[in-house]
């Protein structure tokens, strides 16, 4: 899952399996807020483990 977060105000995009969704959010956000030009990419990768007996 991918999400983007504005470092200036803390607002973030929703999580999505498609990176392009977060990227589009960044372009819209910085278009509305010209001084917000620093973003953080948040990647969540699920992991599953199990024990062998």
C-alpha atoms as a PDB file:
ATOM      1  CA  UNK A   1       0.000   0.000   0.000  1.00  0.00           C
ATOM      2  CA  UNK A   2       1.166   3.505  -0.797  1.00  0.00           C
ATOM      3  CA  UNK A   3       0.282   6.856   0.725  1.00  0.00           C
ATOM      4  CA  UNK A   4       1.767  10.342   0.554  1.00  0.00           C
ATOM      5  CA  UNK A   5       1.972  12.844   3.407  1.00  0.00           C
ATOM      6  CA  UNK A   6       2.632  16.580   3.278  1.00  0.00           C
ATOM      7  CA  UNK A   7       5.530  17.373   5.608  1.00  0.00           C
ATOM      8  CA  UNK A   8       4.373  20.996   5.934  1.00  0.00           C
ATOM      9  CA  UNK A   9       0.793  20.456   7.184  1.00  0.00           C
ATOM     10  CA  UNK A  10       0.562  16.714   7.901  1.00  0.00           C
ATOM     11  CA  UNK A  11      -2.350  16.121   5.532  1.00  0.00           C
ATOM     12  CA  UNK A  12      -2.142  12.813   3.701  1.00  0.00           C
ATOM     13  CA  UNK A  13      -3.620  10.949   0.790  1.00  0.00           C
ATOM     14  CA  UNK A  14      -5.587   7.802   1.349  1.00  0.00           C
ATOM     15  CA  UNK A  15      -3.788   4.472   1.115  1.00  0.00           C
ATOM     16  CA  UNK A  16      -3.885   2.783  -2.254  1.00  0.00           C
ATOM     17  CA  UNK A  17      -2.348  -0.201  -3.998  1.00  0.00           C
ATOM     18  CA  UNK A  18      -1.498   2.120  -6.912  1.00  0.00           C
ATOM     19  CA  UNK A  19       1.353   4.599  -6.370  1.00  0.00           C
ATOM     20  CA  UNK A  20      -0.144   6.891  -9.033  1.00  0.00           C
ATOM     21  CA  UNK A  21      -3.099   7.693  -6.731  1.00  0.00           C
ATOM     22  CA  UNK A  22      -0.789   9.196  -4.094  1.00  0.00           C
ATOM     23  CA  UNK A  23       1.238  10.965  -6.749  1.00  0.00           C
ATOM     24  CA  UNK A  24      -1.906  12.590  -8.164  1.00  0.00           C
ATOM     25  CA  UNK A  25      -2.864  13.703  -4.658  1.00  0.00           C
ATOM     26  CA  UNK A  26       0.555  15.383  -4.265  1.00  0.00           C
ATOM     27  CA  UNK A  27       0.083  17.337  -7.494  1.00  0.00           C
ATOM     28  CA  UNK A  28      -3.393  18.505  -6.427  1.00  0.00           C
ATOM     29  CA  UNK A  29      -2.225  19.370  -2.889  1.00  0.00           C
ATOM     30  CA  UNK A  30       0.772  21.426  -3.969  1.00  0.00           C
ATOM     31  CA  UNK A  31      -1.382  23.100  -6.636  1.00  0.00           C
ATOM     32  CA  UNK A  32      -3.741  24.320  -3.899  1.00  0.00           C
ATOM     33  CA  UNK A  33      -0.870  25.059  -1.473  1.00  0.00           C
ATOM     34  CA  UNK A  34       2.134  26.416  -3.429  1.00  0.00           C
ATOM     35  CA  UNK A  35       4.356  26.623  -0.341  1.00  0.00           C
ATOM     36  CA  UNK A  36       3.839  22.906   0.403  1.00  0.00           C
ATOM     37  CA  UNK A  37       6.578  21.282  -1.621  1.00  0.00           C
ATOM     38  CA  UNK A  38       7.944  18.585   0.702  1.00  0.00           C
ATOM     39  CA  UNK A  39       6.221  15.200   0.952  1.00  0.00           C
ATOM     40  CA  UNK A  40       6.826  11.834   2.574  1.00  0.00           C
ATOM     41  CA  UNK A  41       6.059   8.533   0.874  1.00  0.00           C
ATOM     42  CA  UNK A  42       4.602   5.910   3.206  1.00  0.00           C
ATOM     43  CA  UNK A  43       4.866   2.302   2.056  1.00  0.00           C
ATOM     44  CA  UNK A  44       3.189  -0.528   3.958  1.00  0.00           C
ATOM     45  CA  UNK A  45       4.170  -4.070   3.079  1.00  0.00           C
ATOM     46  CA  UNK A  46       2.372  -6.868   4.894  1.00  0.00           C
ATOM     47  CA  UNK A  47       4.519  -9.676   6.235  1.00  0.00           C
ATOM     48  CA  UNK A  48       3.397 -13.031   7.523  1.00  0.00           C
ATOM     49  CA  UNK A  49       5.517 -15.497   9.438  1.00  0.00           C
ATOM     50  CA  UNK A  50       4.937 -18.977  10.779  1.00  0.00           C
ATOM     51  CA  UNK A  51       6.829 -21.457  12.867  1.00  0.00           C
ATOM     52  CA  UNK A  52       7.891 -24.829  11.672  1.00  0.00           C
ATOM     53  CA  UNK A  53       7.265 -27.520  14.253  1.00  0.00           C
END
